[in-house]
Amino acid sequence: MVKKKQFNIFLKIIAAFLILIACYEFFNRSPWEKITLEKKEYILLAGLLMPFNWLMEAYRWRLLIQPLVKLSYIQSLKGVLSGLAGSFLAGRTIGGTLGRYWSLPPEVDRKQSIAALFVGNSIQGAFTFFFGALALLILFKHKIHLQLPFNLWHSLLAFLLFVVIGFLAVKKADRLKVLVENYLQVVLRYSLEIIAKVTLGGLFRYILFTAQFVLVIKAFGVEESWGLMFLLVPIIYFIKTMTPSLTGVLDLGARELSALYIFEVMDANTNVALMASLIIWAINILIPSLIGLSVRWKL
């Protein structure tokens, strides 16, 4: 327990260091002075897509919690926004879980909701890892032109996925054991139909927030093709997911550094990467979190 606590403190120190680097890069480069917003309608469209993102997550949450308690769509949406507000304040893992936990009716066995949230997040995260790894494979083979046989690329991809899955398995082992022993009853009651709908909803959300990021990037008139942007954004999300569970502001730092690194590797406009990261964070995290905070105090 002590070692785990020390490790978590170490991760938080690393996260704080990263946010300092991100802030330094942002203010040192002053990206707002070096780029021009050429397509304002793209920003507007990205903003209009935001409600669909969280409405779909509310739909998924309603399905996942259904074996435990039947929520109305409005109740489910309030739970999602409450969880988002918790994530903003205390990190994705603790804050997000508690936010949804406390939004449920008090007569419900709320502990069971932890497993439901774990299943939903795992399915959503699977798309991030799969498309991120696939984008890396395509990028290395066709854009960076490393001359390696294709079967070797298959091996590298398989190895990458193995490392990621192994890392997550070790990291989540203790938590998973607790879930299996105490909180797995709700999961055992899932039908194949529920899992299929939750999975399709997760795919829809992934496509949606990827498209949002691409729209914001293209709003600044970057010359790189739409196809390349749809290749880079999954890699940005992939790298960001490897960071520790962070609060809202620290999450912004991880996103900025991920985008900055990928754009530098591709010799693209890093100022666009910084501004786009800030805008997409405001659209998808800051605004819904502020709404969620107001919802939380009314629950």
C-alpha atoms as a PDB file:
ATOM      1  CA  MET A   1       0.000   0.000   0.000  1.00  0.00           C
ATOM      2  CA  VAL A   2       2.826   2.388   0.920  1.00  0.00           C
ATOM      3  CA  LYS A   3       4.693   1.634  -2.304  1.00  0.00           C
ATOM      4  CA  LYS A   4       1.527   2.171  -4.338  1.00  0.00           C
ATOM      5  CA  LYS A   5       0.919   5.494  -2.575  1.00  0.00           C
ATOM      6  CA  GLN A   6       4.504   6.565  -3.217  1.00  0.00           C
ATOM      7  CA  PHE A   7       4.167   5.550  -6.867  1.00  0.00           C
ATOM      8  CA  ASN A   8       0.981   7.619  -7.204  1.00  0.00           C
ATOM      9  CA  ILE A   9       2.742  10.609  -5.661  1.00  0.00           C
ATOM     10  CA  PHE A  10       5.595  10.121  -8.128  1.00  0.00           C
ATOM     11  CA  LEU A  11       3.111  10.090 -11.032  1.00  0.00           C
ATOM     12  CA  LYS A  12       1.514  13.300  -9.782  1.00  0.00           C
ATOM     13  CA  ILE A  13       4.922  14.960  -9.579  1.00  0.00           C
ATOM     14  CA  ILE A  14       5.619  13.909 -13.164  1.00  0.00           C
ATOM     15  CA  ALA A  15       2.205  15.232 -14.191  1.00  0.00           C
ATOM     16  CA  ALA A  16       2.867  18.572 -12.485  1.00  0.00           C
ATOM     17  CA  PHE A  17       6.236  18.765 -14.240  1.00  0.00           C
ATOM     18  CA  LEU A  18       4.546  18.112 -17.587  1.00  0.00           C
ATOM     19  CA  ILE A  19       1.970  20.845 -17.053  1.00  0.00           C
ATOM     20  CA  LEU A  20       4.785  23.292 -16.257  1.00  0.00           C
ATOM     21  CA  ILE A  21       6.494  22.347 -19.518  1.00  0.00           C
ATOM     22  CA  ALA A  22       3.209  22.716 -21.401  1.00  0.00           C
ATOM     23  CA  CYS A  23       2.582  26.155 -19.886  1.00  0.00           C
ATOM     24  CA  TYR A  24       6.119  27.254 -20.702  1.00  0.00           C
ATOM     25  CA  GLU A  25       5.794  26.072 -24.305  1.00  0.00           C
ATOM     26  CA  PHE A  26       2.397  27.724 -24.677  1.00  0.00           C
ATOM     27  CA  PHE A  27       3.379  31.162 -23.380  1.00  0.00           C
ATOM     28  CA  ASN A  28       6.893  31.061 -24.821  1.00  0.00           C
ATOM     29  CA  ARG A  29       5.619  30.307 -28.322  1.00  0.00           C
ATOM     30  CA  SER A  30       2.609  32.662 -28.040  1.00  0.00           C
ATOM     31  CA  PRO A  31       0.762  30.639 -30.711  1.00  0.00           C
ATOM     32  CA  TRP A  32      -2.196  33.047 -30.821  1.00  0.00           C
ATOM     33  CA  GLU A  33       0.120  35.680 -32.340  1.00  0.00           C
ATOM     34  CA  LYS A  34       1.441  33.430 -35.120  1.00  0.00           C
ATOM     35  CA  ILE A  35      -1.665  31.814 -36.580  1.00  0.00           C
ATOM     36  CA  THR A  36      -4.918  32.997 -38.093  1.00  0.00           C
ATOM     37  CA  LEU A  37      -8.375  31.545 -37.647  1.00  0.00           C
ATOM     38  CA  GLU A  38      -9.468  31.097 -41.270  1.00  0.00           C
ATOM     39  CA  LYS A  39     -12.529  28.846 -40.910  1.00  0.00           C
ATOM     40  CA  LYS A  40     -14.592  30.005 -37.934  1.00  0.00           C
ATOM     41  CA  GLU A  41     -17.460  27.777 -39.027  1.00  0.00           C
ATOM     42  CA  TYR A  42     -15.292  24.719 -38.293  1.00  0.00           C
ATOM     43  CA  ILE A  43     -14.927  25.843 -34.671  1.00  0.00           C
ATOM     44  CA  LEU A  44     -18.674  26.384 -34.492  1.00  0.00           C
ATOM     45  CA  LEU A  45     -19.340  22.929 -35.931  1.00  0.00           C
ATOM     46  CA  ALA A  46     -16.949  21.315 -33.438  1.00  0.00           C
ATOM     47  CA  GLY A  47     -18.805  23.079 -30.637  1.00  0.00           C
ATOM     48  CA  LEU A  48     -22.185  21.962 -31.943  1.00  0.00           C
ATOM     49  CA  LEU A  49     -20.979  18.347 -31.954  1.00  0.00           C
ATOM     50  CA  MET A  50     -20.098  18.473 -28.253  1.00  0.00           C
ATOM     51  CA  PRO A  51     -23.642  17.794 -26.916  1.00  0.00           C
ATOM     52  CA  PHE A  52     -23.907  14.689 -29.102  1.00  0.00           C
ATOM     53  CA  ASN A  53     -20.706  13.381 -27.528  1.00  0.00           C
ATOM     54  CA  TRP A  54     -22.063  13.528 -23.990  1.00  0.00           C
ATOM     55  CA  LEU A  55     -25.608  12.547 -24.974  1.00  0.00           C
ATOM     56  CA  MET A  56     -24.153   9.350 -26.407  1.00  0.00           C
ATOM     57  CA  GLU A  57     -22.185   8.771 -23.210  1.00  0.00           C
ATOM     58  CA  ALA A  58     -25.422   9.269 -21.245  1.00  0.00           C
ATOM     59  CA  TYR A  59     -27.053   6.630 -23.447  1.00  0.00           C
ATOM     60  CA  ARG A  60     -24.174   4.223 -22.764  1.00  0.00           C
ATOM     61  CA  TRP A  61     -24.297   4.910 -19.013  1.00  0.00           C
ATOM     62  CA  ARG A  62     -28.052   4.310 -18.944  1.00  0.00           C
ATOM     63  CA  LEU A  63     -27.510   0.914 -20.549  1.00  0.00           C
ATOM     64  CA  LEU A  64     -24.603  -0.035 -18.282  1.00  0.00           C
ATOM     65  CA  ILE A  65     -26.419   0.850 -15.069  1.00  0.00           C
ATOM     66  CA  GLN A  66     -29.728  -0.653 -16.234  1.00  0.00           C
ATOM     67  CA  PRO A  67     -29.327  -4.008 -14.394  1.00  0.00           C
ATOM     68  CA  LEU A  68     -28.852  -2.045 -11.171  1.00  0.00           C
ATOM     69  CA  VAL A  69     -31.366   0.785 -11.540  1.00  0.00           C
ATOM     70  CA  LYS A  70     -33.501   2.106 -14.378  1.00  0.00           C
ATOM     71  CA  LEU A  71     -32.633   5.744 -14.967  1.00  0.00           C
ATOM     72  CA  SER A  72     -34.402   8.218 -17.195  1.00  0.00           C
ATOM     73  CA  TYR A  73     -32.317   9.746 -19.951  1.00  0.00           C
ATOM     74  CA  ILE A  74     -32.171  13.040 -18.016  1.00  0.00           C
ATOM     75  CA  GLN A  75     -30.988  11.264 -14.856  1.00  0.00           C
ATOM     76  CA  SER A  76     -28.338   9.439 -16.854  1.00  0.00           C
ATOM     77  CA  LEU A  77     -27.138  12.680 -18.443  1.00  0.00           C
ATOM     78  CA  LYS A  78     -26.928  14.349 -15.025  1.00  0.00           C
ATOM     79  CA  GLY A  79     -24.844  11.429 -13.799  1.00  0.00           C
ATOM     80  CA  VAL A  80     -22.448  11.752 -16.741  1.00  0.00           C
ATOM     81  CA  LEU A  81     -22.082  15.510 -16.243  1.00  0.00           C
ATOM     82  CA  SER A  82     -21.578  14.991 -12.515  1.00  0.00           C
ATOM     83  CA  GLY A  83     -18.841  12.462 -13.284  1.00  0.00           C
ATOM     84  CA  LEU A  84     -17.241  14.860 -15.743  1.00  0.00           C
ATOM     85  CA  ALA A  85     -17.196  17.597 -13.110  1.00  0.00           C
ATOM     86  CA  GLY A  86     -15.623  15.152 -10.662  1.00  0.00           C
ATOM     87  CA  SER A  87     -12.995  14.220 -13.241  1.00  0.00           C
ATOM     88  CA  PHE A  88     -12.202  17.887 -13.768  1.00  0.00           C
ATOM     89  CA  LEU A  89     -11.598  18.426 -10.058  1.00  0.00           C
ATOM     90  CA  ALA A  90     -10.060  15.138  -8.925  1.00  0.00           C
ATOM     91  CA  GLY A  91      -8.935  13.181 -11.995  1.00  0.00           C
ATOM     92  CA  ARG A  92     -10.568  10.703 -14.353  1.00  0.00           C
ATOM     93  CA  THR A  93     -10.413   7.702 -12.039  1.00  0.00           C
ATOM     94  CA  ILE A  94     -11.394   8.989  -8.595  1.00  0.00           C
ATOM     95  CA  GLY A  95     -13.363  12.090  -9.525  1.00  0.00           C
ATOM     96  CA  GLY A  96     -15.223  10.520 -12.438  1.00  0.00           C
ATOM     97  CA  THR A  97     -16.207   7.490 -10.385  1.00  0.00           C
ATOM     98  CA  LEU A  98     -17.392   9.481  -7.373  1.00  0.00           C
ATOM     99  CA  GLY A  99     -19.295  11.929  -9.563  1.00  0.00           C
ATOM    100  CA  ARG A 100     -21.442   9.176 -11.055  1.00  0.00           C
ATOM    101  CA  TYR A 101     -21.525   7.233  -7.787  1.00  0.00           C
ATOM    102  CA  TRP A 102     -23.155  10.062  -5.836  1.00  0.00           C
ATOM    103  CA  SER A 103     -25.586  10.882  -8.646  1.00  0.00           C
ATOM    104  CA  LEU A 104     -27.371   7.536  -8.178  1.00  0.00           C
ATOM    105  CA  PRO A 105     -30.403   7.201  -5.873  1.00  0.00           C
ATOM    106  CA  PRO A 106     -29.294   6.506  -2.257  1.00  0.00           C
ATOM    107  CA  GLU A 107     -31.364   3.322  -2.009  1.00  0.00           C
ATOM    108  CA  VAL A 108     -29.302   1.731  -4.812  1.00  0.00           C
ATOM    109  CA  ASP A 109     -26.217  -0.398  -4.085  1.00  0.00           C
ATOM    110  CA  ARG A 110     -23.901   2.268  -5.472  1.00  0.00           C
ATOM    111  CA  LYS A 111     -20.798   0.090  -5.199  1.00  0.00           C
ATOM    112  CA  GLN A 112     -22.093  -1.915  -8.155  1.00  0.00           C
ATOM    113  CA  SER A 113     -21.888   1.209 -10.336  1.00  0.00           C
ATOM    114  CA  ILE A 114     -18.081   1.115 -10.114  1.00  0.00           C
ATOM    115  CA  ALA A 115     -17.945  -2.070 -12.181  1.00  0.00           C
ATOM    116  CA  ALA A 116     -20.416  -0.616 -14.696  1.00  0.00           C
ATOM    117  CA  LEU A 117     -18.232   2.457 -15.142  1.00  0.00           C
ATOM    118  CA  PHE A 118     -15.122   0.276 -15.409  1.00  0.00           C
ATOM    119  CA  VAL A 119     -16.706  -1.713 -18.260  1.00  0.00           C
ATOM    120  CA  GLY A 120     -17.765   1.444 -20.098  1.00  0.00           C
ATOM    121  CA  ASN A 121     -14.355   3.083 -19.761  1.00  0.00           C
ATOM    122  CA  SER A 122     -12.555  -0.111 -20.809  1.00  0.00           C
ATOM    123  CA  ILE A 123     -14.611  -0.407 -23.991  1.00  0.00           C
ATOM    124  CA  GLN A 124     -14.060   3.278 -24.784  1.00  0.00           C
ATOM    125  CA  GLY A 125     -10.344   2.990 -24.067  1.00  0.00           C
ATOM    126  CA  ALA A 126     -10.041  -0.031 -26.353  1.00  0.00           C
ATOM    127  CA  PHE A 127     -10.919   2.176 -29.333  1.00  0.00           C
ATOM    128  CA  THR A 128      -8.281   4.713 -28.304  1.00  0.00           C
ATOM    129  CA  PHE A 129      -5.579   2.049 -28.135  1.00  0.00           C
ATOM    130  CA  PHE A 130      -6.675   0.205 -31.279  1.00  0.00           C
ATOM    131  CA  PHE A 131      -7.006   3.224 -33.578  1.00  0.00           C
ATOM    132  CA  GLY A 132      -3.953   4.906 -32.061  1.00  0.00           C
ATOM    133  CA  ALA A 133      -1.777   1.837 -32.676  1.00  0.00           C
ATOM    134  CA  LEU A 134      -3.237   1.407 -36.162  1.00  0.00           C
ATOM    135  CA  ALA A 135      -2.557   5.061 -36.987  1.00  0.00           C
ATOM    136  CA  LEU A 136       1.037   4.668 -35.794  1.00  0.00           C
ATOM    137  CA  LEU A 137       1.463   1.641 -38.028  1.00  0.00           C
ATOM    138  CA  ILE A 138       0.101   3.459 -41.085  1.00  0.00           C
ATOM    139  CA  LEU A 139       2.099   6.599 -40.330  1.00  0.00           C
ATOM    140  CA  PHE A 140       5.401   4.774 -39.961  1.00  0.00           C
ATOM    141  CA  LYS A 141       4.859   2.676 -43.068  1.00  0.00           C
ATOM    142  CA  HIS A 142       3.487   5.241 -45.515  1.00  0.00           C
ATOM    143  CA  LYS A 143       4.516   8.655 -44.212  1.00  0.00           C
ATOM    144  CA  ILE A 144       7.872   8.195 -42.517  1.00  0.00           C
ATOM    145  CA  HIS A 145       8.840   5.541 -45.084  1.00  0.00           C
ATOM    146  CA  LEU A 146      10.835   3.276 -42.838  1.00  0.00           C
ATOM    147  CA  GLN A 147      11.909   0.380 -45.035  1.00  0.00           C
ATOM    148  CA  LEU A 148      10.793  -2.627 -43.034  1.00  0.00           C
ATOM    149  CA  PRO A 149       8.918  -5.677 -44.329  1.00  0.00           C
ATOM    150  CA  PHE A 150       5.175  -5.615 -43.708  1.00  0.00           C
ATOM    151  CA  ASN A 151       5.176  -8.794 -41.617  1.00  0.00           C
ATOM    152  CA  LEU A 152       7.606  -7.057 -39.274  1.00  0.00           C
ATOM    153  CA  TRP A 153       5.125  -4.209 -38.933  1.00  0.00           C
ATOM    154  CA  HIS A 154       2.527  -6.759 -37.888  1.00  0.00           C
ATOM    155  CA  SER A 155       4.947  -8.050 -35.270  1.00  0.00           C
ATOM    156  CA  LEU A 156       5.702  -4.559 -33.997  1.00  0.00           C
ATOM    157  CA  LEU A 157       2.015  -3.728 -33.732  1.00  0.00           C
ATOM    158  CA  ALA A 158       1.286  -6.969 -31.898  1.00  0.00           C
ATOM    159  CA  PHE A 159       4.192  -6.302 -29.534  1.00  0.00           C
ATOM    160  CA  LEU A 160       2.994  -2.747 -28.910  1.00  0.00           C
ATOM    161  CA  LEU A 161      -0.511  -3.932 -28.090  1.00  0.00           C
ATOM    162  CA  PHE A 162       0.911  -6.669 -25.848  1.00  0.00           C
ATOM    163  CA  VAL A 163       2.991  -4.137 -23.911  1.00  0.00           C
ATOM    164  CA  VAL A 164       0.045  -1.761 -23.528  1.00  0.00           C
ATOM    165  CA  ILE A 165      -2.333  -4.495 -22.397  1.00  0.00           C
ATOM    166  CA  GLY A 166       0.273  -5.921 -20.030  1.00  0.00           C
ATOM    167  CA  PHE A 167       0.976  -2.499 -18.565  1.00  0.00           C
ATOM    168  CA  LEU A 168      -2.705  -1.844 -17.999  1.00  0.00           C
ATOM    169  CA  ALA A 169      -3.269  -5.323 -16.585  1.00  0.00           C
ATOM    170  CA  VAL A 170      -0.528  -4.865 -13.990  1.00  0.00           C
ATOM    171  CA  LYS A 171      -1.660  -1.350 -13.190  1.00  0.00           C
ATOM    172  CA  LYS A 172      -5.289  -2.377 -12.753  1.00  0.00           C
ATOM    173  CA  ALA A 173      -4.699  -5.782 -11.137  1.00  0.00           C
ATOM    174  CA  ASP A 174      -5.549  -4.785  -7.577  1.00  0.00           C
ATOM    175  CA  ARG A 175      -8.554  -2.767  -8.660  1.00  0.00           C
ATOM    176  CA  LEU A 176      -9.796  -5.565 -10.901  1.00  0.00           C
ATOM    177  CA  LYS A 177      -9.510  -8.057  -8.042  1.00  0.00           C
ATOM    178  CA  VAL A 178     -11.701  -5.852  -5.860  1.00  0.00           C
ATOM    179  CA  LEU A 179     -14.202  -5.477  -8.689  1.00  0.00           C
ATOM    180  CA  VAL A 180     -14.421  -9.225  -9.235  1.00  0.00           C
ATOM    181  CA  GLU A 181     -14.855  -9.985  -5.552  1.00  0.00           C
ATOM    182  CA  ASN A 182     -17.271  -7.253  -4.562  1.00  0.00           C
ATOM    183  CA  TYR A 183     -18.757  -5.384  -7.487  1.00  0.00           C
ATOM    184  CA  LEU A 184     -19.127  -7.762 -10.424  1.00  0.00           C
ATOM    185  CA  GLN A 185     -22.741  -8.748  -9.928  1.00  0.00           C
ATOM    186  CA  VAL A 186     -24.067  -6.031 -12.230  1.00  0.00           C
ATOM    187  CA  VAL A 187     -21.642  -7.022 -15.023  1.00  0.00           C
ATOM    188  CA  LEU A 188     -22.753 -10.655 -14.937  1.00  0.00           C
ATOM    189  CA  ARG A 189     -26.269  -9.479 -15.762  1.00  0.00           C
ATOM    190  CA  TYR A 190     -25.274  -7.776 -19.023  1.00  0.00           C
ATOM    191  CA  SER A 191     -26.789  -9.212 -22.177  1.00  0.00           C
ATOM    192  CA  LEU A 192     -24.947  -9.405 -25.481  1.00  0.00           C
ATOM    193  CA  GLU A 193     -27.296  -6.712 -26.779  1.00  0.00           C
ATOM    194  CA  ILE A 194     -26.242  -4.273 -24.052  1.00  0.00           C
ATOM    195  CA  ILE A 195     -22.543  -4.906 -24.673  1.00  0.00           C
ATOM    196  CA  ALA A 196     -23.047  -4.462 -28.433  1.00  0.00           C
ATOM    197  CA  LYS A 197     -24.909  -1.169 -28.005  1.00  0.00           C
ATOM    198  CA  VAL A 198     -22.365   0.167 -25.520  1.00  0.00           C
ATOM    199  CA  THR A 199     -19.541  -0.794 -27.896  1.00  0.00           C
ATOM    200  CA  LEU A 200     -21.182   0.855 -30.913  1.00  0.00           C
ATOM    201  CA  GLY A 201     -21.843   3.928 -28.794  1.00  0.00           C
ATOM    202  CA  GLY A 202     -18.173   4.017 -27.832  1.00  0.00           C
ATOM    203  CA  LEU A 203     -17.168   3.823 -31.491  1.00  0.00           C
ATOM    204  CA  PHE A 204     -19.550   6.671 -32.332  1.00  0.00           C
ATOM    205  CA  ARG A 205     -18.048   8.809 -29.559  1.00  0.00           C
ATOM    206  CA  TYR A 206     -14.503   8.094 -30.703  1.00  0.00           C
ATOM    207  CA  ILE A 207     -15.306   9.112 -34.290  1.00  0.00           C
ATOM    208  CA  LEU A 208     -17.093  12.191 -32.998  1.00  0.00           C
ATOM    209  CA  PHE A 209     -14.351  13.624 -30.781  1.00  0.00           C
ATOM    210  CA  THR A 210     -11.707  12.746 -33.367  1.00  0.00           C
ATOM    211  CA  ALA A 211     -13.673  14.700 -35.979  1.00  0.00           C
ATOM    212  CA  GLN A 212     -13.990  17.614 -33.544  1.00  0.00           C
ATOM    213  CA  PHE A 213     -10.226  17.826 -33.068  1.00  0.00           C
ATOM    214  CA  VAL A 214      -9.610  17.619 -36.818  1.00  0.00           C
ATOM    215  CA  LEU A 215     -12.173  20.379 -37.474  1.00  0.00           C
ATOM    216  CA  VAL A 216     -10.485  22.679 -34.961  1.00  0.00           C
ATOM    217  CA  ILE A 217      -7.058  22.018 -36.497  1.00  0.00           C
ATOM    218  CA  LYS A 218      -8.317  22.660 -40.035  1.00  0.00           C
ATOM    219  CA  ALA A 219      -9.990  25.874 -38.851  1.00  0.00           C
ATOM    220  CA  PHE A 220      -6.515  27.429 -38.748  1.00  0.00           C
ATOM    221  CA  GLY A 221      -5.927  26.705 -42.428  1.00  0.00           C
ATOM    222  CA  VAL A 222      -3.235  24.045 -42.090  1.00  0.00           C
ATOM    223  CA  GLU A 223      -1.966  22.771 -45.432  1.00  0.00           C
ATOM    224  CA  GLU A 224      -1.801  19.116 -44.414  1.00  0.00           C
ATOM    225  CA  SER A 225      -4.609  16.974 -45.803  1.00  0.00           C
ATOM    226  CA  TRP A 226      -7.735  15.931 -43.928  1.00  0.00           C
ATOM    227  CA  GLY A 227      -6.570  12.337 -44.209  1.00  0.00           C
ATOM    228  CA  LEU A 228      -3.277  13.085 -42.475  1.00  0.00           C
ATOM    229  CA  MET A 229      -5.083  14.935 -39.692  1.00  0.00           C
ATOM    230  CA  PHE A 230      -7.368  11.953 -39.141  1.00  0.00           C
ATOM    231  CA  LEU A 231      -4.165   9.929 -38.835  1.00  0.00           C
ATOM    232  CA  LEU A 232      -2.420  12.243 -36.368  1.00  0.00           C
ATOM    233  CA  VAL A 233      -5.298  12.893 -33.972  1.00  0.00           C
ATOM    234  CA  PRO A 234      -5.722   9.213 -32.928  1.00  0.00           C
ATOM    235  CA  ILE A 235      -1.992   9.123 -32.160  1.00  0.00           C
ATOM    236  CA  ILE A 236      -2.351  12.250 -30.006  1.00  0.00           C
ATOM    237  CA  TYR A 237      -5.174  10.621 -28.064  1.00  0.00           C
ATOM    238  CA  PHE A 238      -3.151   7.415 -27.816  1.00  0.00           C
ATOM    239  CA  ILE A 239      -0.145   9.169 -26.278  1.00  0.00           C
ATOM    240  CA  LYS A 240      -2.332  11.250 -23.966  1.00  0.00           C
ATOM    241  CA  THR A 241      -4.057   8.120 -22.637  1.00  0.00           C
ATOM    242  CA  MET A 242      -0.670   6.830 -21.440  1.00  0.00           C
ATOM    243  CA  THR A 243      -0.421   9.692 -18.942  1.00  0.00           C
ATOM    244  CA  PRO A 244      -1.614   9.316 -15.321  1.00  0.00           C
ATOM    245  CA  SER A 245      -5.233  10.077 -14.429  1.00  0.00           C
ATOM    246  CA  LEU A 246      -5.256  13.863 -14.212  1.00  0.00           C
ATOM    247  CA  THR A 247      -7.510  16.714 -13.174  1.00  0.00           C
ATOM    248  CA  GLY A 248      -8.997  19.017 -15.809  1.00  0.00           C
ATOM    249  CA  VAL A 249      -6.148  21.533 -16.030  1.00  0.00           C
ATOM    250  CA  LEU A 250      -3.411  18.882 -15.941  1.00  0.00           C
ATOM    251  CA  ASP A 251      -5.337  16.984 -18.606  1.00  0.00           C
ATOM    252  CA  LEU A 252      -4.926  20.029 -20.830  1.00  0.00           C
ATOM    253  CA  GLY A 253      -1.151  19.919 -20.332  1.00  0.00           C
ATOM    254  CA  ALA A 254      -0.984  16.259 -21.357  1.00  0.00           C
ATOM    255  CA  ARG A 255      -3.086  16.957 -24.443  1.00  0.00           C
ATOM    256  CA  GLU A 256      -0.962  19.937 -25.469  1.00  0.00           C
ATOM    257  CA  LEU A 257       2.325  18.080 -25.092  1.00  0.00           C
ATOM    258  CA  SER A 258       0.994  15.084 -27.041  1.00  0.00           C
ATOM    259  CA  ALA A 259      -0.162  17.289 -29.908  1.00  0.00           C
ATOM    260  CA  LEU A 260       3.032  19.334 -29.836  1.00  0.00           C
ATOM    261  CA  TYR A 261       5.215  16.222 -30.024  1.00  0.00           C
ATOM    262  CA  ILE A 262       3.304  14.678 -32.946  1.00  0.00           C
ATOM    263  CA  PHE A 263       3.227  17.941 -34.916  1.00  0.00           C
ATOM    264  CA  GLU A 264       6.965  18.432 -34.393  1.00  0.00           C
ATOM    265  CA  VAL A 265       7.695  14.899 -35.612  1.00  0.00           C
ATOM    266  CA  MET A 266       5.634  15.571 -38.756  1.00  0.00           C
ATOM    267  CA  ASP A 267       7.189  19.033 -39.218  1.00  0.00           C
ATOM    268  CA  ALA A 268       3.711  20.577 -39.025  1.00  0.00           C
ATOM    269  CA  ASN A 269       2.715  23.912 -37.463  1.00  0.00           C
ATOM    270  CA  THR A 270       3.168  23.430 -33.718  1.00  0.00           C
ATOM    271  CA  ASN A 271       1.382  26.706 -32.965  1.00  0.00           C
ATOM    272  CA  VAL A 272      -1.771  25.203 -34.440  1.00  0.00           C
ATOM    273  CA  ALA A 273      -1.283  22.120 -32.266  1.00  0.00           C
ATOM    274  CA  LEU A 274      -1.179  24.228 -29.097  1.00  0.00           C
ATOM    275  CA  MET A 275      -4.180  26.399 -29.947  1.00  0.00           C
ATOM    276  CA  ALA A 276      -6.257  23.483 -31.218  1.00  0.00           C
ATOM    277  CA  SER A 277      -5.550  21.540 -28.014  1.00  0.00           C
ATOM    278  CA  LEU A 278      -6.672  24.486 -25.899  1.00  0.00           C
ATOM    279  CA  ILE A 279      -9.876  24.980 -27.890  1.00  0.00           C
ATOM    280  CA  ILE A 280     -10.862  21.305 -27.981  1.00  0.00           C
ATOM    281  CA  TRP A 281     -10.182  21.081 -24.233  1.00  0.00           C
ATOM    282  CA  ALA A 282     -12.478  24.051 -23.635  1.00  0.00           C
ATOM    283  CA  ILE A 283     -15.216  22.564 -25.835  1.00  0.00           C
ATOM    284  CA  ASN A 284     -15.144  18.970 -24.607  1.00  0.00           C
ATOM    285  CA  ILE A 285     -13.895  19.303 -21.020  1.00  0.00           C
ATOM    286  CA  LEU A 286     -14.150  22.807 -19.570  1.00  0.00           C
ATOM    287  CA  ILE A 287     -17.667  23.794 -20.691  1.00  0.00           C
ATOM    288  CA  PRO A 288     -19.327  20.423 -19.885  1.00  0.00           C
ATOM    289  CA  SER A 289     -17.466  20.315 -16.547  1.00  0.00           C
ATOM    290  CA  LEU A 290     -18.799  23.736 -15.559  1.00  0.00           C
ATOM    291  CA  ILE A 291     -22.293  22.550 -16.474  1.00  0.00           C
ATOM    292  CA  GLY A 292     -21.641  19.385 -14.484  1.00  0.00           C
ATOM    293  CA  LEU A 293     -20.585  21.378 -11.415  1.00  0.00           C
ATOM    294  CA  SER A 294     -23.899  23.222 -11.443  1.00  0.00           C
ATOM    295  CA  VAL A 295     -25.724  19.905 -11.871  1.00  0.00           C
ATOM    296  CA  ARG A 296     -23.749  18.289  -9.048  1.00  0.00           C
ATOM    297  CA  TRP A 297     -24.807  20.842  -6.472  1.00  0.00           C
ATOM    298  CA  LYS A 298     -28.455  20.305  -7.405  1.00  0.00           C
ATOM    299  CA  LEU A 299     -28.374  16.497  -7.061  1.00  0.00           C
END
